[in-house]
């Protein structure tokens, strides 16, 4: 088998969408309200050359995404696309010698515009998606959630994936996409409630096409791993899918695994993040969450010189960071003790 990474242009989103800030509705509105942009990042589609036929995972972006609905605040204020028609998935597959009729199956991890934008190039393929994800795109609610079904081709009629109650590692369900069983789909909710990922088993290794389960690489791997995990774009290590439902779950028997970076992830590393990744995920416990919010608030603060509502008792201590009131009192006691 061969897997082709097809870059379909670039996308620019806000840093708040990558790292997540706040909670609840405030967190959801941050990509629109924030003024801090991340860096231009590639959007990908994937083509698996399999003996049973070519399988395309996501269709990437398309040139029509350069013009998005003006009434939608997210599309106008929080995302930008840079792609030309020759960069779409169809023309690039032709350069690889793969025609439209050679593509047996198209699997969509979810139905956001940067993943279903190139559907028009696959009129002869069987198209699969989660049934719940398809239902989410309907009506005004679907439009508010960022789906654009009116831009789908008229012939587009995706087949809902028939999940099988057969466990695969920590996942309770799966579905085989090939008769050989070496390409399977697993549910990885998080980015959307019905998001899915694809696992390609190649000998003793497996490759995870994880869609948008995570914009960053570090939450995808355990803090302690017995396998080597080189800091490359596609890090290898013990299998761990980045999704809220399986973040802390690891199968008892693991294979060497490569996780493919998602669309819009850039190099898979934080984009100009001034704080550790752990700030993006609140720890359990009321007191720990409160301390976590306070810590993140101060680490985001770069030019503050006076204490705010959350920063009471703190002041800027130079390039090294911030010092708290109890630290200042301790230094004062030490100085008084030494003077005596």
Protein backbone atom coordinates (compact mmCIF):
# COMPACT_ATOMS: atom_id res chain seq x y z
CA UNK A 1 0.00 0.00 0.00
CA UNK A 2 0.98 3.59 -0.58
CA UNK A 3 -0.46 6.68 1.08
CA UNK A 4 -0.29 10.01 -0.72
CA UNK A 5 -0.51 13.27 1.21
CA UNK A 6 -2.27 15.80 -1.03
CA UNK A 7 -1.99 19.38 0.10
CA UNK A 8 -5.04 21.30 -1.05
CA UNK A 9 -4.02 24.87 -0.41
CA UNK A 10 -3.67 26.61 2.94
CA UNK A 11 -5.93 27.78 5.72
CA UNK A 12 -5.54 30.53 8.30
CA UNK A 13 -7.43 30.34 11.61
CA UNK A 14 -7.25 32.12 14.93
CA UNK A 15 -4.89 30.97 17.65
CA UNK A 16 -7.88 30.62 19.99
CA UNK A 17 -9.28 27.90 17.74
CA UNK A 18 -6.06 25.90 17.99
CA UNK A 19 -5.37 26.24 21.69
CA UNK A 20 -8.83 26.87 23.13
CA UNK A 21 -9.51 29.65 25.61
CA UNK A 22 -12.20 29.97 28.22
CA UNK A 23 -15.18 27.70 28.78
CA UNK A 24 -18.65 27.15 27.39
CA UNK A 25 -20.05 29.70 24.96
CA UNK A 26 -17.19 32.08 25.65
CA UNK A 27 -14.75 29.46 24.37
CA UNK A 28 -16.85 28.94 21.23
CA UNK A 29 -16.95 32.66 20.44
CA UNK A 30 -13.23 33.22 20.97
CA UNK A 31 -12.21 32.38 17.35
CA UNK A 32 -14.54 35.15 16.19
CA UNK A 33 -13.70 37.72 18.86
CA UNK A 34 -9.96 37.14 19.10
CA UNK A 35 -7.56 39.25 17.02
CA UNK A 36 -4.60 36.84 17.21
CA UNK A 37 -4.15 34.81 14.05
CA UNK A 38 -2.08 31.66 13.86
CA UNK A 39 0.15 30.91 10.86
CA UNK A 40 -0.91 29.70 7.42
CA UNK A 41 -1.22 25.93 7.58
CA UNK A 42 -1.74 23.24 4.91
CA UNK A 43 -5.04 21.45 4.36
CA UNK A 44 -4.72 17.80 3.38
CA UNK A 45 -6.55 15.05 1.60
CA UNK A 46 -5.21 11.49 1.66
CA UNK A 47 -5.18 8.83 -1.03
CA UNK A 48 -4.57 5.19 -0.08
CA UNK A 49 -3.50 3.01 -3.00
CA UNK A 50 -4.94 -0.34 -1.97
CA UNK A 51 -5.11 -3.57 -4.01
CA UNK A 52 -8.91 -3.43 -3.71
CA UNK A 53 -9.05 0.12 -5.08
CA UNK A 54 -8.03 3.65 -4.17
CA UNK A 55 -9.51 5.04 -0.94
CA UNK A 56 -9.56 8.81 -0.45
CA UNK A 57 -9.82 10.12 3.11
CA UNK A 58 -11.29 13.64 3.08
CA UNK A 59 -11.35 15.69 -0.10
CA UNK A 60 -9.62 18.79 1.22
CA UNK A 61 -10.39 22.38 0.39
CA UNK A 62 -11.47 23.88 -2.94
CA UNK A 63 -11.11 27.21 -4.70
CA UNK A 64 -14.74 28.15 -4.02
CA UNK A 65 -13.86 28.47 -0.32
CA UNK A 66 -12.08 31.75 -1.09
CA UNK A 67 -15.61 33.19 -1.22
CA UNK A 68 -17.58 32.28 1.90
CA UNK A 69 -21.05 33.36 3.13
CA UNK A 70 -20.97 36.95 4.32
CA UNK A 71 -23.74 36.46 6.86
CA UNK A 72 -21.76 33.89 8.87
CA UNK A 73 -19.49 35.54 11.49
CA UNK A 74 -17.06 32.63 11.64
CA UNK A 75 -16.47 32.48 7.90
CA UNK A 76 -16.01 36.25 7.70
CA UNK A 77 -13.93 36.86 10.81
CA UNK A 78 -12.18 33.64 11.83
CA UNK A 79 -10.97 31.70 8.78
CA UNK A 80 -9.31 32.36 5.42
CA UNK A 81 -8.42 30.01 2.58
CA UNK A 82 -5.69 30.25 -0.02
CA UNK A 83 -6.12 27.71 -2.83
CA UNK A 84 -6.14 27.68 -6.62
CA UNK A 85 -8.19 25.26 -8.80
CA UNK A 86 -5.09 23.27 -9.79
CA UNK A 87 -4.36 22.64 -6.11
CA UNK A 88 -7.61 20.76 -5.51
CA UNK A 89 -7.59 17.03 -4.90
CA UNK A 90 -8.86 15.99 -8.35
CA UNK A 91 -6.12 17.62 -10.47
CA UNK A 92 -3.41 16.46 -8.08
CA UNK A 93 -4.63 12.86 -8.18
CA UNK A 94 -4.50 12.96 -11.98
CA UNK A 95 -0.83 13.94 -11.76
CA UNK A 96 -0.31 10.79 -9.70
CA UNK A 97 -2.03 8.69 -12.36
CA UNK A 98 -5.26 8.25 -10.36
CA UNK A 99 -8.42 9.09 -12.30
CA UNK A 100 -11.92 9.73 -10.92
CA UNK A 101 -13.05 6.17 -11.73
CA UNK A 102 -10.02 4.70 -9.98
CA UNK A 103 -11.23 6.00 -6.62
CA UNK A 104 -13.35 3.25 -5.11
CA UNK A 105 -14.32 4.91 -1.82
CA UNK A 106 -14.23 8.38 -0.30
CA UNK A 107 -14.39 8.52 3.50
CA UNK A 108 -15.11 11.83 5.22
CA UNK A 109 -13.86 12.17 8.78
CA UNK A 110 -16.44 14.95 9.15
CA UNK A 111 -18.26 17.40 6.89
CA UNK A 112 -16.59 20.73 7.53
CA UNK A 113 -15.79 22.80 4.46
CA UNK A 114 -12.05 22.11 4.45
CA UNK A 115 -12.75 18.36 4.33
CA UNK A 116 -15.62 18.11 1.86
CA UNK A 117 -14.62 20.97 -0.44
CA UNK A 118 -13.34 18.69 -3.23
CA UNK A 119 -16.36 16.39 -3.47
CA UNK A 120 -17.07 17.47 -7.04
CA UNK A 121 -14.05 15.47 -8.26
CA UNK A 122 -15.47 12.11 -7.14
CA UNK A 123 -18.84 11.56 -8.84
CA UNK A 124 -18.22 7.83 -9.41
CA UNK A 125 -17.08 6.91 -5.91
CA UNK A 126 -18.89 5.48 -2.93
CA UNK A 127 -18.87 8.21 -0.27
CA UNK A 128 -19.06 7.30 3.41
CA UNK A 129 -19.61 9.42 6.51
CA UNK A 130 -21.08 8.96 9.95
CA UNK A 131 -24.87 9.09 9.87
CA UNK A 132 -25.00 11.46 12.81
CA UNK A 133 -22.56 13.81 11.11
CA UNK A 134 -24.73 13.87 8.00
CA UNK A 135 -27.80 14.71 10.10
CA UNK A 136 -25.98 17.61 11.81
CA UNK A 137 -25.63 19.46 8.50
CA UNK A 138 -29.38 19.96 7.97
CA UNK A 139 -31.31 23.19 8.41
CA UNK A 140 -30.38 26.50 9.96
CA UNK A 141 -28.66 24.83 12.88
CA UNK A 142 -26.31 23.03 10.51
CA UNK A 143 -25.46 26.32 8.81
CA UNK A 144 -24.73 27.96 12.16
CA UNK A 145 -22.46 25.05 13.05
CA UNK A 146 -20.34 25.76 9.97
CA UNK A 147 -21.67 23.24 7.45
CA UNK A 148 -22.36 24.33 3.87
CA UNK A 149 -24.51 21.59 2.30
CA UNK A 150 -25.70 23.96 -0.43
CA UNK A 151 -22.22 23.78 -1.92
CA UNK A 152 -22.28 20.02 -2.23
CA UNK A 153 -22.74 18.56 -5.74
CA UNK A 154 -26.34 17.74 -6.63
CA UNK A 155 -25.48 14.05 -6.96
CA UNK A 156 -23.93 13.93 -3.49
CA UNK A 157 -25.66 11.20 -1.47
CA UNK A 158 -23.33 9.87 1.23
CA UNK A 159 -23.87 6.45 2.75
CA UNK A 160 -24.02 6.34 6.55
CA UNK A 161 -21.32 4.13 8.01
CA UNK A 162 -22.74 0.94 9.51
CA UNK A 163 -20.75 0.65 12.72
CA UNK A 164 -20.03 -2.86 13.94
CA UNK A 165 -20.01 -3.66 17.68
CA UNK A 166 -16.54 -5.14 17.36
CA UNK A 167 -13.92 -3.55 19.64
CA UNK A 168 -10.59 -2.39 18.32
CA UNK A 169 -8.18 -1.50 21.08
CA UNK A 170 -10.00 0.97 23.37
CA UNK A 171 -12.74 1.63 20.80
CA UNK A 172 -16.03 -0.18 21.22
CA UNK A 173 -16.99 0.08 17.53
CA UNK A 174 -15.34 -0.07 14.17
CA UNK A 175 -16.06 -0.78 10.54
CA UNK A 176 -13.88 -2.47 7.95
CA UNK A 177 -13.44 -0.48 4.76
CA UNK A 178 -11.65 -3.29 2.91
CA UNK A 179 -12.28 -7.01 2.70
CA UNK A 180 -8.76 -7.61 3.95
CA UNK A 181 -9.54 -5.63 7.11
CA UNK A 182 -6.35 -3.56 6.87
CA UNK A 183 -8.20 -0.24 6.54
CA UNK A 184 -10.78 0.44 9.24
CA UNK A 185 -12.74 3.39 10.58
CA UNK A 186 -13.12 4.15 14.28
CA UNK A 187 -15.25 6.79 16.05
CA UNK A 188 -13.19 9.65 17.54
CA UNK A 189 -15.69 12.30 18.71
CA UNK A 190 -14.36 15.62 19.91
CA UNK A 191 -13.89 18.07 17.06
CA UNK A 192 -17.46 17.18 16.12
CA UNK A 193 -19.66 14.73 18.05
CA UNK A 194 -19.56 12.21 15.18
CA UNK A 195 -15.99 12.69 14.00
CA UNK A 196 -14.20 9.53 12.83
CA UNK A 197 -10.63 8.52 12.03
CA UNK A 198 -9.07 5.97 9.71
CA UNK A 199 -6.47 3.36 10.67
CA UNK A 200 -4.31 1.77 7.98
CA UNK A 201 -2.59 -1.42 9.11
CA UNK A 202 0.61 -2.06 7.20
CA UNK A 203 2.46 -5.08 8.52
CA UNK A 204 3.50 -4.49 12.12
CA UNK A 205 2.77 -0.77 11.94
CA UNK A 206 -0.42 1.21 11.71
CA UNK A 207 -1.02 4.71 10.39
CA UNK A 208 -3.77 6.86 11.85
CA UNK A 209 -5.42 9.43 9.60
CA UNK A 210 -6.88 11.34 12.50
CA UNK A 211 -8.73 14.16 10.74
CA UNK A 212 -9.16 17.10 13.11
CA UNK A 213 -9.02 15.21 16.40
CA UNK A 214 -6.27 17.59 17.49
CA UNK A 215 -4.49 20.63 16.07
CA UNK A 216 -1.37 19.81 18.09
CA UNK A 217 0.79 16.71 18.39
CA UNK A 218 1.66 16.73 22.07
CA UNK A 219 -1.81 15.80 23.43
CA UNK A 220 -1.82 12.74 21.17
CA UNK A 221 0.87 10.83 23.02
CA UNK A 222 1.20 9.72 26.63
CA UNK A 223 3.60 11.56 28.89
CA UNK A 224 5.44 8.30 29.56
CA UNK A 225 6.01 5.97 26.68
CA UNK A 226 8.30 2.99 26.41
CA UNK A 227 8.63 3.52 22.66
CA UNK A 228 10.84 6.15 21.11
CA UNK A 229 8.93 9.21 19.91
CA UNK A 230 11.11 11.37 17.69
CA UNK A 231 9.98 14.97 17.41
CA UNK A 232 9.17 14.82 13.73
CA UNK A 233 6.13 16.06 11.88
CA UNK A 234 4.54 12.61 12.14
CA UNK A 235 5.80 11.34 15.52
CA UNK A 236 5.93 7.59 16.12
CA UNK A 237 5.18 6.05 19.47
CA UNK A 238 2.64 3.94 21.27
CA UNK A 239 -0.85 4.25 19.89
CA UNK A 240 -2.94 7.02 21.36
CA UNK A 241 -5.67 8.83 19.46
CA UNK A 242 -6.20 12.45 20.39
CA UNK A 243 -9.87 12.83 21.23
CA UNK A 244 -11.53 13.78 24.50
CA UNK A 245 -13.28 10.41 24.82
CA UNK A 246 -10.06 8.37 24.45
CA UNK A 247 -7.37 10.79 25.58
CA UNK A 248 -6.49 8.73 28.65
CA UNK A 249 -7.15 5.29 27.16
CA UNK A 250 -4.43 3.09 25.77
CA UNK A 251 -4.82 -0.48 24.49
CA UNK A 252 -3.09 -3.30 26.30
CA UNK A 253 -1.30 -4.44 23.16
CA UNK A 254 0.15 -1.66 21.03
CA UNK A 255 1.68 -1.46 17.60
CA UNK A 256 4.18 1.13 16.44
CA UNK A 257 1.96 3.94 15.23
CA UNK A 258 2.29 7.03 13.08
CA UNK A 259 -0.29 9.74 13.51
CA UNK A 260 -0.85 11.92 10.46
CA UNK A 261 -1.22 15.64 11.33
CA UNK A 262 -4.67 17.09 10.74
CA UNK A 263 -5.68 19.73 8.23
CA UNK A 264 -4.71 23.13 9.50
CA UNK A 265 -2.16 21.77 11.95
CA UNK A 266 0.88 23.23 10.24
CA UNK A 267 3.95 21.40 11.42
CA UNK A 268 2.04 19.73 14.23
CA UNK A 269 3.71 21.97 16.82
CA UNK A 270 2.28 24.95 18.70
CA UNK A 271 2.13 28.18 16.68
CA UNK A 272 3.85 30.89 18.74
CA UNK A 273 2.37 29.59 21.99
CA UNK A 274 3.78 31.49 25.01
CA UNK A 275 2.67 28.82 27.49
CA UNK A 276 2.77 25.04 27.92
CA UNK A 277 0.11 22.91 26.26
CA UNK A 278 -1.27 21.84 29.63
CA UNK A 279 -2.85 25.28 29.92
CA UNK A 280 -5.35 24.27 27.26
CA UNK A 281 -6.81 21.39 29.27
CA UNK A 282 -8.15 22.12 32.79
CA UNK A 283 -7.26 19.50 35.42
CA UNK A 284 -9.93 17.80 37.52
CA UNK A 285 -10.96 19.20 40.86
CA UNK A 286 -12.42 22.60 41.75
CA UNK A 287 -9.31 24.00 43.42
CA UNK A 288 -6.98 22.77 40.70
CA UNK A 289 -9.21 24.27 37.99
CA UNK A 290 -9.18 27.61 39.79
CA UNK A 291 -5.40 27.58 40.05
CA UNK A 292 -5.14 26.48 36.43
CA UNK A 293 -7.29 29.38 35.22
CA UNK A 294 -5.21 31.79 37.28
CA UNK A 295 -1.97 30.38 35.90
CA UNK A 296 -3.17 30.53 32.29
CA UNK A 297 -4.41 34.08 32.80
CA UNK A 298 -0.96 35.23 33.89
CA UNK A 299 0.89 33.35 31.20
CA UNK A 300 -1.21 35.03 28.55
CA UNK A 301 -0.40 38.42 30.09
CA UNK A 302 2.67 39.86 28.39
CA UNK A 303 2.54 43.58 29.07
CA UNK A 304 0.64 43.80 32.34
CA UNK A 305 2.24 45.85 35.09
CA UNK A 306 -0.65 46.08 37.54
CA UNK A 307 -2.80 43.39 39.05
CA UNK A 308 -6.21 42.64 37.55
CA UNK A 309 -9.25 40.89 38.94
CA UNK A 310 -7.72 37.45 38.48
CA UNK A 311 -4.18 38.68 38.96
CA UNK A 312 -4.56 40.18 42.43
CA UNK A 313 -1.30 39.88 44.32
CA UNK A 314 0.83 39.39 41.22
CA UNK A 315 3.11 41.77 39.41
CA UNK A 316 5.41 41.57 36.43
CA UNK A 317 8.86 40.37 37.42
CA UNK A 318 10.71 40.93 34.17
CA UNK A 319 11.38 38.55 31.31
CA UNK A 320 11.39 35.52 33.59
CA UNK A 321 7.67 35.76 34.35
CA UNK A 322 5.52 36.72 37.33
CA UNK A 323 6.06 36.52 41.09
CA UNK A 324 3.29 36.13 43.64
CA UNK A 325 2.65 38.07 46.83
CA UNK A 326 3.76 35.24 49.12
CA UNK A 327 7.06 35.04 47.23
CA UNK A 328 7.61 38.76 47.77
CA UNK A 329 6.79 38.44 51.46
CA UNK A 330 9.23 35.53 51.78
CA UNK A 331 11.99 37.56 50.17
CA UNK A 332 11.19 40.47 52.46
CA UNK A 333 11.44 38.25 55.56
CA UNK A 334 14.72 36.84 54.34
CA UNK A 335 16.13 40.32 53.80
CA UNK A 336 15.00 41.45 57.27
CA UNK A 337 16.50 38.33 58.82
CA UNK A 338 19.83 38.84 57.07
CA UNK A 339 19.97 42.52 58.12
CA UNK A 340 19.60 41.54 61.76
